[in-house]
């Protein structure tokens, strides 16, 4: 599952679970890019649970949209990642170091209050 919901003027929540295939990735990324076109210094809250590595087709779709995704990341200042898997938390924070201007912090999946507090500052 790849679900996206705009929850404020510069706030989006993304929910990921299961194994994403190429069609789910295409639809999800297109929706994400479209819904955040007007964002500036936005906030993202990711909820990632029971997540399996995406299919090769899904990874191909993601790679084909890299230029648009880099543009999208410039519209955000902070991203909080809630996950039930430590490896996802570590990778998320590592990715945050790769994109100047974007702070990424990972939290245990049930630590919603801490993630919300961090996003608000």
PDB file of N, CA and C in Angstrom:
ATOM      1  N   UNK A   1       0.839  -1.174   0.000  1.00  0.00           N
ATOM      2  CA  UNK A   1       0.000   0.000   0.000  1.00  0.00           C
ATOM      3  C   UNK A   1       0.886   1.241   0.000  1.00  0.00           C
ATOM      4  N   UNK A   2       0.466   2.240  -0.754  1.00  0.00           N
ATOM      5  CA  UNK A   2       1.144   3.529  -0.839  1.00  0.00           C
ATOM      6  C   UNK A   2       0.026   4.564  -0.793  1.00  0.00           C
ATOM      7  N   UNK A   3      -0.211   5.114   0.403  1.00  0.00           N
ATOM      8  CA  UNK A   3      -1.317   6.065   0.589  1.00  0.00           C
ATOM      9  C   UNK A   3      -0.743   7.432   0.927  1.00  0.00           C
ATOM     10  N   UNK A   4      -1.325   8.467   0.328  1.00  0.00           N
ATOM     11  CA  UNK A   4      -0.863   9.838   0.527  1.00  0.00           C
ATOM     12  C   UNK A   4      -2.056  10.699   0.911  1.00  0.00           C
ATOM     13  N   UNK A   5      -1.856  11.521   1.955  1.00  0.00           N
ATOM     14  CA  UNK A   5      -2.920  12.426   2.391  1.00  0.00           C
ATOM     15  C   UNK A   5      -2.315  13.779   2.752  1.00  0.00           C
ATOM     16  N   UNK A   6      -2.846  14.832   2.153  1.00  0.00           N
ATOM     17  CA  UNK A   6      -2.451  16.184   2.526  1.00  0.00           C
ATOM     18  C   UNK A   6      -3.232  16.520   3.788  1.00  0.00           C
ATOM     19  N   UNK A   7      -2.510  16.877   4.859  1.00  0.00           N
ATOM     20  CA  UNK A   7      -3.166  17.127   6.145  1.00  0.00           C
ATOM     21  C   UNK A   7      -3.049  18.581   6.587  1.00  0.00           C
ATOM     22  N   UNK A   8      -2.458  19.420   5.747  1.00  0.00           N
ATOM     23  CA  UNK A   8      -2.320  20.838   6.050  1.00  0.00           C
ATOM     24  C   UNK A   8      -1.747  21.553   4.847  1.00  0.00           C
ATOM     25  N   UNK A   9      -1.607  22.876   4.929  1.00  0.00           N
ATOM     26  CA  UNK A   9      -1.122  23.645   3.783  1.00  0.00           C
ATOM     27  C   UNK A   9       0.265  23.221   3.291  1.00  0.00           C
ATOM     28  N   UNK A  10       1.123  22.792   4.170  1.00  0.00           N
ATOM     29  CA  UNK A  10       2.465  22.335   3.821  1.00  0.00           C
ATOM     30  C   UNK A  10       2.794  21.031   4.533  1.00  0.00           C
ATOM     31  N   UNK A  11       1.790  20.183   4.671  1.00  0.00           N
ATOM     32  CA  UNK A  11       1.958  18.941   5.433  1.00  0.00           C
ATOM     33  C   UNK A  11       1.341  17.778   4.675  1.00  0.00           C
ATOM     34  N   UNK A  12       2.096  16.695   4.610  1.00  0.00           N
ATOM     35  CA  UNK A  12       1.614  15.496   3.943  1.00  0.00           C
ATOM     36  C   UNK A  12       1.958  14.287   4.801  1.00  0.00           C
ATOM     37  N   UNK A  13       1.071  13.305   4.789  1.00  0.00           N
ATOM     38  CA  UNK A  13       1.328  12.038   5.467  1.00  0.00           C
ATOM     39  C   UNK A  13       1.327  10.934   4.433  1.00  0.00           C
ATOM     40  N   UNK A  14       2.312  10.066   4.553  1.00  0.00           N
ATOM     41  CA  UNK A  14       2.488   8.967   3.611  1.00  0.00           C
ATOM     42  C   UNK A  14       2.489   7.673   4.402  1.00  0.00           C
ATOM     43  N   UNK A  15       1.705   6.718   3.949  1.00  0.00           N
ATOM     44  CA  UNK A  15       1.645   5.411   4.592  1.00  0.00           C
ATOM     45  C   UNK A  15       2.114   4.358   3.598  1.00  0.00           C
ATOM     46  N   UNK A  16       3.099   3.566   4.008  1.00  0.00           N
ATOM     47  CA  UNK A  16       3.639   2.504   3.170  1.00  0.00           C
ATOM     48  C   UNK A  16       3.579   1.189   3.928  1.00  0.00           C
ATOM     49  N   UNK A  17       3.113   0.141   3.249  1.00  0.00           N
ATOM     50  CA  UNK A  17       3.119  -1.193   3.846  1.00  0.00           C
ATOM     51  C   UNK A  17       3.116  -2.238   2.738  1.00  0.00           C
ATOM     52  N   UNK A  18       3.546  -3.431   3.105  1.00  0.00           N
ATOM     53  CA  UNK A  18       3.586  -4.517   2.140  1.00  0.00           C
ATOM     54  C   UNK A  18       4.703  -4.319   1.129  1.00  0.00           C
ATOM     55  N   UNK A  19       4.592  -5.003   0.013  1.00  0.00           N
ATOM     56  CA  UNK A  19       5.571  -4.890  -1.060  1.00  0.00           C
ATOM     57  C   UNK A  19       4.968  -4.084  -2.200  1.00  0.00           C
ATOM     58  N   UNK A  20       5.606  -2.988  -2.560  1.00  0.00           N
ATOM     59  CA  UNK A  20       5.102  -2.151  -3.643  1.00  0.00           C
ATOM     60  C   UNK A  20       5.517  -2.717  -4.989  1.00  0.00           C
ATOM     61  N   UNK A  21       4.562  -2.766  -5.917  1.00  0.00           N
ATOM     62  CA  UNK A  21       4.877  -3.180  -7.283  1.00  0.00           C
ATOM     63  C   UNK A  21       5.002  -1.932  -8.159  1.00  0.00           C
ATOM     64  N   UNK A  22       5.305  -2.120  -9.427  1.00  0.00           N
ATOM     65  CA  UNK A  22       5.559  -0.979 -10.308  1.00  0.00           C
ATOM     66  C   UNK A  22       4.335  -0.076 -10.459  1.00  0.00           C
ATOM     67  N   UNK A  23       3.156  -0.632 -10.552  1.00  0.00           N
ATOM     68  CA  UNK A  23       1.948   0.194 -10.714  1.00  0.00           C
ATOM     69  C   UNK A  23       1.671   1.010  -9.460  1.00  0.00           C
ATOM     70  N   UNK A  24       1.767   0.399  -8.286  1.00  0.00           N
ATOM     71  CA  UNK A  24       1.564   1.134  -7.037  1.00  0.00           C
ATOM     72  C   UNK A  24       2.594   2.255  -6.891  1.00  0.00           C
ATOM     73  N   UNK A  25       3.844   1.979  -7.256  1.00  0.00           N
ATOM     74  CA  UNK A  25       4.887   2.991  -7.162  1.00  0.00           C
ATOM     75  C   UNK A  25       4.605   4.136  -8.127  1.00  0.00           C
ATOM     76  N   UNK A  26       4.220   3.821  -9.346  1.00  0.00           N
ATOM     77  CA  UNK A  26       3.931   4.855 -10.348  1.00  0.00           C
ATOM     78  C   UNK A  26       2.799   5.761  -9.879  1.00  0.00           C
ATOM     79  N   UNK A  27       1.697   5.166  -9.486  1.00  0.00           N
ATOM     80  CA  UNK A  27       0.538   5.939  -9.044  1.00  0.00           C
ATOM     81  C   UNK A  27       0.885   6.757  -7.799  1.00  0.00           C
ATOM     82  N   UNK A  28       1.577   6.137  -6.834  1.00  0.00           N
ATOM     83  CA  UNK A  28       1.922   6.827  -5.596  1.00  0.00           C
ATOM     84  C   UNK A  28       2.865   7.995  -5.814  1.00  0.00           C
ATOM     85  N   UNK A  29       3.920   7.798  -6.591  1.00  0.00           N
ATOM     86  CA  UNK A  29       4.868   8.887  -6.830  1.00  0.00           C
ATOM     87  C   UNK A  29       4.241  10.016  -7.626  1.00  0.00           C
ATOM     88  N   UNK A  30       3.443   9.671  -8.637  1.00  0.00           N
ATOM     89  CA  UNK A  30       2.759  10.715  -9.409  1.00  0.00           C
ATOM     90  C   UNK A  30       1.829  11.531  -8.516  1.00  0.00           C
ATOM     91  N   UNK A  31       1.109  10.863  -7.641  1.00  0.00           N
ATOM     92  CA  UNK A  31       0.203  11.544  -6.715  1.00  0.00           C
ATOM     93  C   UNK A  31       0.994  12.423  -5.740  1.00  0.00           C
ATOM     94  N   UNK A  32       2.093  11.916  -5.236  1.00  0.00           N
ATOM     95  CA  UNK A  32       2.927  12.668  -4.306  1.00  0.00           C
ATOM     96  C   UNK A  32       3.467  13.936  -4.963  1.00  0.00           C
ATOM     97  N   UNK A  33       3.986  13.815  -6.154  1.00  0.00           N
ATOM     98  CA  UNK A  33       4.523  14.969  -6.881  1.00  0.00           C
ATOM     99  C   UNK A  33       3.418  15.979  -7.152  1.00  0.00           C
ATOM    100  N   UNK A  34       2.271  15.499  -7.581  1.00  0.00           N
ATOM    101  CA  UNK A  34       1.155  16.385  -7.907  1.00  0.00           C
ATOM    102  C   UNK A  34       0.615  17.119  -6.673  1.00  0.00           C
ATOM    103  N   UNK A  35       0.443  16.405  -5.576  1.00  0.00           N
ATOM    104  CA  UNK A  35      -0.162  16.999  -4.380  1.00  0.00           C
ATOM    105  C   UNK A  35       0.751  17.980  -3.656  1.00  0.00           C
ATOM    106  N   UNK A  36       2.042  17.958  -3.962  1.00  0.00           N
ATOM    107  CA  UNK A  36       2.976  18.819  -3.223  1.00  0.00           C
ATOM    108  C   UNK A  36       3.579  19.920  -4.093  1.00  0.00           C
ATOM    109  N   UNK A  37       3.036  20.151  -5.253  1.00  0.00           N
ATOM    110  CA  UNK A  37       3.595  21.149  -6.173  1.00  0.00           C
ATOM    111  C   UNK A  37       3.743  22.540  -5.559  1.00  0.00           C
ATOM    112  N   UNK A  38       2.827  22.927  -4.710  1.00  0.00           N
ATOM    113  CA  UNK A  38       2.822  24.268  -4.129  1.00  0.00           C
ATOM    114  C   UNK A  38       3.440  24.321  -2.734  1.00  0.00           C
ATOM    115  N   UNK A  39       3.996  23.236  -2.256  1.00  0.00           N
ATOM    116  CA  UNK A  39       4.570  23.208  -0.913  1.00  0.00           C
ATOM    117  C   UNK A  39       5.851  24.042  -0.851  1.00  0.00           C
ATOM    118  N   UNK A  40       6.080  24.611   0.315  1.00  0.00           N
ATOM    119  CA  UNK A  40       7.313  25.335   0.591  1.00  0.00           C
ATOM    120  C   UNK A  40       7.686  25.078   2.047  1.00  0.00           C
ATOM    121  N   UNK A  41       8.902  24.549   2.274  1.00  0.00           N
ATOM    122  CA  UNK A  41       9.354  24.182   3.626  1.00  0.00           C
ATOM    123  C   UNK A  41       8.330  23.273   4.307  1.00  0.00           C
ATOM    124  N   UNK A  42       7.840  22.316   3.559  1.00  0.00           N
ATOM    125  CA  UNK A  42       6.803  21.418   4.038  1.00  0.00           C
ATOM    126  C   UNK A  42       7.304  20.385   5.037  1.00  0.00           C
ATOM    127  N   UNK A  43       6.343  19.652   5.554  1.00  0.00           N
ATOM    128  CA  UNK A  43       6.613  18.582   6.506  1.00  0.00           C
ATOM    129  C   UNK A  43       5.999  17.288   5.989  1.00  0.00           C
ATOM    130  N   UNK A  44       6.738  16.204   6.179  1.00  0.00           N
ATOM    131  CA  UNK A  44       6.250  14.874   5.816  1.00  0.00           C
ATOM    132  C   UNK A  44       6.246  14.001   7.052  1.00  0.00           C
ATOM    133  N   UNK A  45       5.199  13.234   7.203  1.00  0.00           N
ATOM    134  CA  UNK A  45       5.149  12.197   8.228  1.00  0.00           C
ATOM    135  C   UNK A  45       4.928  10.876   7.511  1.00  0.00           C
ATOM    136  N   UNK A  46       5.935  10.010   7.576  1.00  0.00           N
ATOM    137  CA  UNK A  46       5.847   8.675   6.980  1.00  0.00           C
ATOM    138  C   UNK A  46       5.438   7.682   8.047  1.00  0.00           C
ATOM    139  N   UNK A  47       4.518   6.804   7.704  1.00  0.00           N
ATOM    140  CA  UNK A  47       4.152   5.665   8.543  1.00  0.00           C
ATOM    141  C   UNK A  47       4.470   4.422   7.713  1.00  0.00           C
ATOM    142  N   UNK A  48       5.505   3.712   8.137  1.00  0.00           N
ATOM    143  CA  UNK A  48       5.964   2.550   7.369  1.00  0.00           C
ATOM    144  C   UNK A  48       5.906   1.328   8.285  1.00  0.00           C
ATOM    145  N   UNK A  49       5.071   0.364   7.923  1.00  0.00           N
ATOM    146  CA  UNK A  49       4.926  -0.831   8.751  1.00  0.00           C
ATOM    147  C   UNK A  49       4.728  -2.054   7.862  1.00  0.00           C
ATOM    148  N   UNK A  50       5.126  -3.190   8.375  1.00  0.00           N
ATOM    149  CA  UNK A  50       5.035  -4.451   7.624  1.00  0.00           C
ATOM    150  C   UNK A  50       5.519  -4.268   6.189  1.00  0.00           C
ATOM    151  N   UNK A  51       6.598  -3.520   6.031  1.00  0.00           N
ATOM    152  CA  UNK A  51       7.094  -3.145   4.712  1.00  0.00           C
ATOM    153  C   UNK A  51       8.090  -4.172   4.211  1.00  0.00           C
ATOM    154  N   UNK A  52       7.938  -4.569   2.970  1.00  0.00           N
ATOM    155  CA  UNK A  52       8.879  -5.453   2.297  1.00  0.00           C
ATOM    156  C   UNK A  52       9.576  -4.651   1.207  1.00  0.00           C
ATOM    157  N   UNK A  53      10.771  -5.058   0.853  1.00  0.00           N
ATOM    158  CA  UNK A  53      11.512  -4.363  -0.197  1.00  0.00           C
ATOM    159  C   UNK A  53      10.666  -4.343  -1.477  1.00  0.00           C
ATOM    160  N   UNK A  54      10.582  -3.186  -2.168  1.00  0.00           N
ATOM    161  CA  UNK A  54       9.770  -3.093  -3.394  1.00  0.00           C
ATOM    162  C   UNK A  54      10.270  -4.049  -4.482  1.00  0.00           C
ATOM    163  N   UNK A  55       9.400  -4.350  -5.433  1.00  0.00           N
ATOM    164  CA  UNK A  55       9.789  -5.189  -6.560  1.00  0.00           C
ATOM    165  C   UNK A  55      10.808  -4.438  -7.421  1.00  0.00           C
ATOM    166  N   UNK A  56      11.522  -5.169  -8.275  1.00  0.00           N
ATOM    167  CA  UNK A  56      12.472  -4.531  -9.188  1.00  0.00           C
ATOM    168  C   UNK A  56      11.769  -3.543 -10.108  1.00  0.00           C
ATOM    169  N   UNK A  57      10.562  -3.874 -10.534  1.00  0.00           N
ATOM    170  CA  UNK A  57       9.798  -2.957 -11.369  1.00  0.00           C
ATOM    171  C   UNK A  57       9.489  -1.657 -10.649  1.00  0.00           C
ATOM    172  N   UNK A  58       9.156  -1.757  -9.371  1.00  0.00           N
ATOM    173  CA  UNK A  58       8.869  -0.559  -8.572  1.00  0.00           C
ATOM    174  C   UNK A  58      10.120   0.291  -8.426  1.00  0.00           C
ATOM    175  N   UNK A  59      11.266  -0.337  -8.206  1.00  0.00           N
ATOM    176  CA  UNK A  59      12.519   0.411  -8.109  1.00  0.00           C
ATOM    177  C   UNK A  59      12.849   1.102  -9.423  1.00  0.00           C
ATOM    178  N   UNK A  60      12.550   0.439 -10.539  1.00  0.00           N
ATOM    179  CA  UNK A  60      12.755   1.047 -11.855  1.00  0.00           C
ATOM    180  C   UNK A  60      11.896   2.286 -12.039  1.00  0.00           C
ATOM    181  N   UNK A  61      10.654   2.220 -11.591  1.00  0.00           N
ATOM    182  CA  UNK A  61       9.763   3.380 -11.672  1.00  0.00           C
ATOM    183  C   UNK A  61      10.335   4.520 -10.839  1.00  0.00           C
ATOM    184  N   UNK A  62      10.802   4.209  -9.641  1.00  0.00           N
ATOM    185  CA  UNK A  62      11.369   5.243  -8.771  1.00  0.00           C
ATOM    186  C   UNK A  62      12.586   5.887  -9.427  1.00  0.00           C
ATOM    187  N   UNK A  63      13.464   5.086  -9.997  1.00  0.00           N
ATOM    188  CA  UNK A  63      14.649   5.619 -10.665  1.00  0.00           C
ATOM    189  C   UNK A  63      14.277   6.505 -11.844  1.00  0.00           C
ATOM    190  N   UNK A  64      13.238   6.140 -12.572  1.00  0.00           N
ATOM    191  CA  UNK A  64      12.824   6.938 -13.732  1.00  0.00           C
ATOM    192  C   UNK A  64      12.262   8.296 -13.329  1.00  0.00           C
ATOM    193  N   UNK A  65      11.865   8.436 -12.077  1.00  0.00           N
ATOM    194  CA  UNK A  65      11.300   9.700 -11.596  1.00  0.00           C
ATOM    195  C   UNK A  65      12.251  10.484 -10.692  1.00  0.00           C
ATOM    196  N   UNK A  66      13.517  10.093 -10.669  1.00  0.00           N
ATOM    197  CA  UNK A  66      14.479  10.760  -9.786  1.00  0.00           C
ATOM    198  C   UNK A  66      14.538  12.278  -9.980  1.00  0.00           C
ATOM    199  N   UNK A  67      14.596  12.800 -11.203  1.00  0.00           N
ATOM    200  CA  UNK A  67      14.650  14.264 -11.324  1.00  0.00           C
ATOM    201  C   UNK A  67      13.444  14.954 -10.659  1.00  0.00           C
ATOM    202  N   UNK A  68      12.263  14.416 -10.841  1.00  0.00           N
ATOM    203  CA  UNK A  68      11.070  15.003 -10.220  1.00  0.00           C
ATOM    204  C   UNK A  68      11.110  14.831  -8.706  1.00  0.00           C
ATOM    205  N   UNK A  69      11.637  13.718  -8.238  1.00  0.00           N
ATOM    206  CA  UNK A  69      11.716  13.484  -6.795  1.00  0.00           C
ATOM    207  C   UNK A  69      12.723  14.416  -6.124  1.00  0.00           C
ATOM    208  N   UNK A  70      13.838  14.710  -6.794  1.00  0.00           N
ATOM    209  CA  UNK A  70      14.787  15.675  -6.238  1.00  0.00           C
ATOM    210  C   UNK A  70      14.138  17.045  -6.124  1.00  0.00           C
ATOM    211  N   UNK A  71      13.366  17.427  -7.127  1.00  0.00           N
ATOM    212  CA  UNK A  71      12.638  18.694  -7.065  1.00  0.00           C
ATOM    213  C   UNK A  71      11.627  18.692  -5.933  1.00  0.00           C
ATOM    214  N   UNK A  72      10.969  17.584  -5.734  1.00  0.00           N
ATOM    215  CA  UNK A  72       9.987  17.456  -4.659  1.00  0.00           C
ATOM    216  C   UNK A  72      10.650  17.625  -3.298  1.00  0.00           C
ATOM    217  N   UNK A  73      11.806  17.026  -3.098  1.00  0.00           N
ATOM    218  CA  UNK A  73      12.471  17.094  -1.800  1.00  0.00           C
ATOM    219  C   UNK A  73      12.865  18.515  -1.422  1.00  0.00           C
ATOM    220  N   UNK A  74      13.104  19.364  -2.410  1.00  0.00           N
ATOM    221  CA  UNK A  74      13.441  20.763  -2.122  1.00  0.00           C
ATOM    222  C   UNK A  74      12.251  21.529  -1.552  1.00  0.00           C
ATOM    223  N   UNK A  75      11.073  20.977  -1.661  1.00  0.00           N
ATOM    224  CA  UNK A  75       9.860  21.629  -1.132  1.00  0.00           C
ATOM    225  C   UNK A  75       9.626  21.321   0.337  1.00  0.00           C
ATOM    226  N   UNK A  76      10.491  20.516   0.931  1.00  0.00           N
ATOM    227  CA  UNK A  76      10.297  20.073   2.304  1.00  0.00           C
ATOM    228  C   UNK A  76      11.488  20.451   3.179  1.00  0.00           C
ATOM    229  N   UNK A  77      11.192  20.722   4.448  1.00  0.00           N
ATOM    230  CA  UNK A  77      12.238  21.025   5.415  1.00  0.00           C
ATOM    231  C   UNK A  77      12.461  19.900   6.401  1.00  0.00           C
ATOM    232  N   UNK A  78      11.376  19.173   6.704  1.00  0.00           N
ATOM    233  CA  UNK A  78      11.473  18.106   7.701  1.00  0.00           C
ATOM    234  C   UNK A  78      10.638  16.894   7.290  1.00  0.00           C
ATOM    235  N   UNK A  79      11.155  15.728   7.644  1.00  0.00           N
ATOM    236  CA  UNK A  79      10.426  14.478   7.444  1.00  0.00           C
ATOM    237  C   UNK A  79      10.627  13.606   8.676  1.00  0.00           C
ATOM    238  N   UNK A  80       9.541  13.167   9.260  1.00  0.00           N
ATOM    239  CA  UNK A  80       9.581  12.221  10.375  1.00  0.00           C
ATOM    240  C   UNK A  80       9.142  10.859   9.837  1.00  0.00           C
ATOM    241  N   UNK A  81       9.889   9.844  10.206  1.00  0.00           N
ATOM    242  CA  UNK A  81       9.610   8.493   9.727  1.00  0.00           C
ATOM    243  C   UNK A  81       9.267   7.612  10.921  1.00  0.00           C
ATOM    244  N   UNK A  82       8.057   7.096  10.922  1.00  0.00           N
ATOM    245  CA  UNK A  82       7.621   6.133  11.934  1.00  0.00           C
ATOM    246  C   UNK A  82       7.714   4.749  11.301  1.00  0.00           C
ATOM    247  N   UNK A  83       8.488   3.864  11.907  1.00  0.00           N
ATOM    248  CA  UNK A  83       8.630   2.529  11.328  1.00  0.00           C
ATOM    249  C   UNK A  83       8.795   1.479  12.410  1.00  0.00           C
ATOM    250  N   UNK A  84       8.335   0.285  12.079  1.00  0.00           N
ATOM    251  CA  UNK A  84       8.481  -0.845  12.983  1.00  0.00           C
ATOM    252  C   UNK A  84       9.769  -1.622  12.718  1.00  0.00           C
ATOM    253  N   UNK A  85      10.585  -1.162  11.756  1.00  0.00           N
ATOM    254  CA  UNK A  85      11.822  -1.858  11.411  1.00  0.00           C
ATOM    255  C   UNK A  85      13.013  -0.922  11.551  1.00  0.00           C
ATOM    256  N   UNK A  86      14.004  -1.360  12.304  1.00  0.00           N
ATOM    257  CA  UNK A  86      15.199  -0.546  12.556  1.00  0.00           C
ATOM    258  C   UNK A  86      15.951  -0.229  11.269  1.00  0.00           C
ATOM    259  N   UNK A  87      16.010  -1.174  10.321  1.00  0.00           N
ATOM    260  CA  UNK A  87      16.758  -0.919   9.098  1.00  0.00           C
ATOM    261  C   UNK A  87      16.132   0.227   8.307  1.00  0.00           C
ATOM    262  N   UNK A  88      14.822   0.353   8.334  1.00  0.00           N
ATOM    263  CA  UNK A  88      14.160   1.461   7.647  1.00  0.00           C
ATOM    264  C   UNK A  88      14.473   2.773   8.370  1.00  0.00           C
ATOM    265  N   UNK A  89      14.483   2.746   9.685  1.00  0.00           N
ATOM    266  CA  UNK A  89      14.817   3.945  10.452  1.00  0.00           C
ATOM    267  C   UNK A  89      16.233   4.416  10.107  1.00  0.00           C
ATOM    268  N   UNK A  90      17.180   3.498  10.063  1.00  0.00           N
ATOM    269  CA  UNK A  90      18.571   3.860   9.775  1.00  0.00           C
ATOM    270  C   UNK A  90      18.725   4.410   8.360  1.00  0.00           C
ATOM    271  N   UNK A  91      18.121   3.751   7.395  1.00  0.00           N
ATOM    272  CA  UNK A  91      18.212   4.203   6.000  1.00  0.00           C
ATOM    273  C   UNK A  91      17.559   5.569   5.843  1.00  0.00           C
ATOM    274  N   UNK A  92      16.437   5.789   6.507  1.00  0.00           N
ATOM    275  CA  UNK A  92      15.743   7.074   6.421  1.00  0.00           C
ATOM    276  C   UNK A  92      16.630   8.212   6.907  1.00  0.00           C
ATOM    277  N   UNK A  93      17.263   8.023   8.045  1.00  0.00           N
ATOM    278  CA  UNK A  93      18.126   9.080   8.577  1.00  0.00           C
ATOM    279  C   UNK A  93      19.366   9.271   7.707  1.00  0.00           C
ATOM    280  N   UNK A  94      19.887   8.201   7.140  1.00  0.00           N
ATOM    281  CA  UNK A  94      21.014   8.315   6.212  1.00  0.00           C
ATOM    282  C   UNK A  94      20.619   9.134   4.985  1.00  0.00           C
ATOM    283  N   UNK A  95      19.447   8.864   4.436  1.00  0.00           N
ATOM    284  CA  UNK A  95      18.967   9.631   3.278  1.00  0.00           C
ATOM    285  C   UNK A  95      18.849  11.112   3.611  1.00  0.00           C
ATOM    286  N   UNK A  96      18.485  11.426   4.844  1.00  0.00           N
ATOM    287  CA  UNK A  96      18.381  12.813   5.254  1.00  0.00           C
ATOM    288  C   UNK A  96      19.692  13.556   5.141  1.00  0.00           C
ATOM    289  N   UNK A  97      20.802  12.857   5.323  1.00  0.00           N
ATOM    290  CA  UNK A  97      22.119  13.486   5.201  1.00  0.00           C
ATOM    291  C   UNK A  97      22.504  13.738   3.745  1.00  0.00           C
ATOM    292  N   UNK A  98      21.826  13.100   2.826  1.00  0.00           N
ATOM    293  CA  UNK A  98      22.164  13.232   1.407  1.00  0.00           C
ATOM    294  C   UNK A  98      21.494  14.428   0.737  1.00  0.00           C
ATOM    295  N   UNK A  99      20.486  15.010   1.389  1.00  0.00           N
ATOM    296  CA  UNK A  99      19.728  16.100   0.779  1.00  0.00           C
ATOM    297  C   UNK A  99      19.828  17.364   1.628  1.00  0.00           C
ATOM    298  N   UNK A 100      20.634  18.320   1.193  1.00  0.00           N
ATOM    299  CA  UNK A 100      20.768  19.562   1.956  1.00  0.00           C
ATOM    300  C   UNK A 100      19.408  20.242   2.127  1.00  0.00           C
ATOM    301  N   UNK A 101      19.188  20.754   3.318  1.00  0.00           N
ATOM    302  CA  UNK A 101      17.943  21.468   3.590  1.00  0.00           C
ATOM    303  C   UNK A 101      16.808  20.585   4.068  1.00  0.00           C
ATOM    304  N   UNK A 102      16.995  19.276   4.044  1.00  0.00           N
ATOM    305  CA  UNK A 102      15.958  18.355   4.501  1.00  0.00           C
ATOM    306  C   UNK A 102      16.466  17.611   5.736  1.00  0.00           C
ATOM    307  N   UNK A 103      15.765  17.803   6.850  1.00  0.00           N
ATOM    308  CA  UNK A 103      16.084  17.069   8.073  1.00  0.00           C
ATOM    309  C   UNK A 103      15.162  15.858   8.155  1.00  0.00           C
ATOM    310  N   UNK A 104      15.742  14.702   8.414  1.00  0.00           N
ATOM    311  CA  UNK A 104      14.966  13.477   8.548  1.00  0.00           C
ATOM    312  C   UNK A 104      15.288  12.858   9.900  1.00  0.00           C
ATOM    313  N   UNK A 105      14.256  12.500  10.630  1.00  0.00           N
ATOM    314  CA  UNK A 105      14.439  11.829  11.914  1.00  0.00           C
ATOM    315  C   UNK A 105      13.485  10.639  11.964  1.00  0.00           C
ATOM    316  N   UNK A 106      14.010   9.508  12.397  1.00  0.00           N
ATOM    317  CA  UNK A 106      13.217   8.284  12.477  1.00  0.00           C
ATOM    318  C   UNK A 106      12.801   8.015  13.918  1.00  0.00           C
ATOM    319  N   UNK A 107      11.627   7.416  14.049  1.00  0.00           N
ATOM    320  CA  UNK A 107      11.044   7.094  15.347  1.00  0.00           C
ATOM    321  C   UNK A 107      10.460   5.689  15.289  1.00  0.00           C
ATOM    322  N   UNK A 108      10.346   5.064  16.466  1.00  0.00           N
ATOM    323  CA  UNK A 108       9.625   3.796  16.531  1.00  0.00           C
ATOM    324  C   UNK A 108       8.182   4.034  16.095  1.00  0.00           C
ATOM    325  N   UNK A 109       7.580   3.036  15.503  1.00  0.00           N
ATOM    326  CA  UNK A 109       6.261   3.203  14.885  1.00  0.00           C
ATOM    327  C   UNK A 109       5.211   3.783  15.835  1.00  0.00           C
ATOM    328  N   UNK A 110       5.240   3.401  17.094  1.00  0.00           N
ATOM    329  CA  UNK A 110       4.220   3.874  18.040  1.00  0.00           C
ATOM    330  C   UNK A 110       4.562   5.198  18.707  1.00  0.00           C
ATOM    331  N   UNK A 111       5.689   5.791  18.347  1.00  0.00           N
ATOM    332  CA  UNK A 111       6.133   7.040  18.974  1.00  0.00           C
ATOM    333  C   UNK A 111       5.631   8.263  18.198  1.00  0.00           C
ATOM    334  N   UNK A 112       4.337   8.288  17.930  1.00  0.00           N
ATOM    335  CA  UNK A 112       3.711   9.340  17.134  1.00  0.00           C
ATOM    336  C   UNK A 112       3.859  10.708  17.801  1.00  0.00           C
ATOM    337  N   UNK A 113       3.667  10.783  19.104  1.00  0.00           N
ATOM    338  CA  UNK A 113       3.737  12.064  19.812  1.00  0.00           C
ATOM    339  C   UNK A 113       5.122  12.701  19.654  1.00  0.00           C
ATOM    340  N   UNK A 114       6.176  11.921  19.793  1.00  0.00           N
ATOM    341  CA  UNK A 114       7.530  12.456  19.640  1.00  0.00           C
ATOM    342  C   UNK A 114       7.775  12.927  18.205  1.00  0.00           C
ATOM    343  N   UNK A 115       7.298  12.175  17.233  1.00  0.00           N
ATOM    344  CA  UNK A 115       7.458  12.565  15.829  1.00  0.00           C
ATOM    345  C   UNK A 115       6.711  13.863  15.543  1.00  0.00           C
ATOM    346  N   UNK A 116       5.500  13.979  16.048  1.00  0.00           N
ATOM    347  CA  UNK A 116       4.710  15.196  15.844  1.00  0.00           C
ATOM    348  C   UNK A 116       5.378  16.399  16.509  1.00  0.00           C
ATOM    349  N   UNK A 117       5.900  16.217  17.707  1.00  0.00           N
ATOM    350  CA  UNK A 117       6.587  17.299  18.416  1.00  0.00           C
ATOM    351  C   UNK A 117       7.816  17.740  17.638  1.00  0.00           C
ATOM    352  N   UNK A 118       8.592  16.777  17.145  1.00  0.00           N
ATOM    353  CA  UNK A 118       9.790  17.111  16.367  1.00  0.00           C
ATOM    354  C   UNK A 118       9.426  17.854  15.089  1.00  0.00           C
ATOM    355  N   UNK A 119       8.396  17.411  14.386  1.00  0.00           N
ATOM    356  CA  UNK A 119       7.980  18.089  13.154  1.00  0.00           C
ATOM    357  C   UNK A 119       7.549  19.536  13.420  1.00  0.00           C
ATOM    358  N   UNK A 120       6.951  19.775  14.558  1.00  0.00           N
ATOM    359  CA  UNK A 120       6.405  21.098  14.867  1.00  0.00           C
ATOM    360  C   UNK A 120       7.486  22.135  15.153  1.00  0.00           C
ATOM    361  N   UNK A 121       8.720  21.726  15.404  1.00  0.00           N
ATOM    362  CA  UNK A 121       9.788  22.684  15.740  1.00  0.00           C
ATOM    363  C   UNK A 121      10.634  23.017  14.548  1.00  0.00           C
TER     364      UNK A 121
END
